[in-house]
Amino acid sequence: MAMDAAEIERLIKQGLPDAVVTIQDLRGDGDHYAAEVRSNAFKGKSRVQQHQLVYKALQGRMGGQLHALALQTAPLD
């Protein structure tokens, strides 16, 4: 079962409340997304640690309900 962009954004913002999230459905199939996530929680963290925080916010849905997510992360300015 595919996830919609609004659900992905909701989960990320639930896990990272200050996050600014932009989601793009890459194929229009609800299965392949690109996300840009900016959050103060990323300050001082490596790119891998930043991505881990986003994956944690997605509560285990990566690889199941959410097949593919091209992820870009950065701290808020």
Protein backbone atom coordinates (compact mmCIF):
# COMPACT_ATOMS: atom_id res chain seq x y z
CA MET A 1 0.00 0.00 0.00
CA ALA A 2 1.42 3.36 -1.06
CA MET A 3 1.66 6.46 1.14
CA ASP A 4 0.57 9.90 0.08
CA ALA A 5 2.76 12.99 0.38
CA ALA A 6 0.61 14.51 3.13
CA GLU A 7 1.10 11.44 5.34
CA ILE A 8 4.88 11.51 4.81
CA GLU A 9 4.97 15.21 5.73
CA ARG A 10 2.74 14.63 8.79
CA LEU A 11 4.99 11.86 10.12
CA ILE A 12 8.17 13.87 9.59
CA LYS A 13 6.69 16.94 11.30
CA GLN A 14 5.44 14.77 14.15
CA GLY A 15 8.97 13.45 14.71
CA LEU A 16 10.71 16.76 13.98
CA PRO A 17 8.21 19.47 15.00
CA ASP A 18 10.21 22.44 13.66
CA ALA A 19 10.84 20.78 10.29
CA VAL A 20 10.22 22.54 7.01
CA VAL A 21 9.28 19.75 4.62
CA THR A 22 8.87 19.71 0.83
CA ILE A 23 7.65 16.48 -0.76
CA GLN A 24 7.58 15.67 -4.47
CA ASP A 25 5.97 12.56 -5.99
CA LEU A 26 8.59 11.61 -8.58
CA ARG A 27 6.50 9.22 -10.70
CA GLY A 28 2.95 10.11 -9.78
CA ASP A 29 2.51 6.60 -8.40
CA GLY A 30 2.53 7.41 -4.66
CA ASP A 31 5.51 5.10 -4.27
CA HIS A 32 8.60 7.13 -5.25
CA TYR A 33 9.16 10.45 -3.51
CA ALA A 34 11.80 13.11 -3.06
CA ALA A 35 11.82 15.05 0.20
CA GLU A 36 13.73 18.08 1.38
CA VAL A 37 13.71 18.36 5.16
CA ARG A 38 15.20 21.24 7.12
CA SER A 39 15.28 21.20 10.92
CA ASN A 40 17.28 22.63 13.81
CA ALA A 41 17.58 19.02 15.04
CA PHE A 42 20.14 18.50 12.24
CA LYS A 43 22.64 21.06 13.55
CA GLY A 44 25.98 19.43 14.32
CA LYS A 45 24.88 16.08 12.89
CA SER A 46 26.38 14.24 9.94
CA ARG A 47 24.29 13.67 6.82
CA VAL A 48 23.81 10.02 7.85
CA GLN A 49 22.60 11.06 11.31
CA GLN A 50 20.22 13.58 9.75
CA HIS A 51 18.75 10.90 7.48
CA GLN A 52 18.44 8.52 10.43
CA LEU A 53 16.33 11.11 12.26
CA VAL A 54 13.98 11.35 9.26
CA TYR A 55 13.75 7.55 8.94
CA LYS A 56 12.96 7.30 12.65
CA ALA A 57 10.18 9.86 12.19
CA LEU A 58 8.73 7.67 9.41
CA GLN A 59 8.20 4.95 12.03
CA GLY A 60 9.44 1.94 10.05
CA ARG A 61 7.47 2.65 6.88
CA MET A 62 10.59 2.94 4.67
CA GLY A 63 10.88 -0.12 2.46
CA GLY A 64 7.28 -1.12 3.18
CA GLN A 65 4.51 1.42 2.63
CA LEU A 66 7.11 3.88 1.37
CA HIS A 67 9.15 2.21 -1.33
CA ALA A 68 11.63 4.95 -2.29
CA LEU A 69 12.54 8.31 -0.80
CA ALA A 70 15.28 10.53 -2.24
CA LEU A 71 16.19 12.57 0.81
CA GLN A 72 17.94 15.92 1.18
CA THR A 73 18.42 17.28 4.68
CA ALA A 74 19.89 20.46 6.14
CA PRO A 75 19.69 22.53 9.32
CA LEU A 76 17.40 25.54 9.33
CA ASP A 77 19.19 28.82 8.64
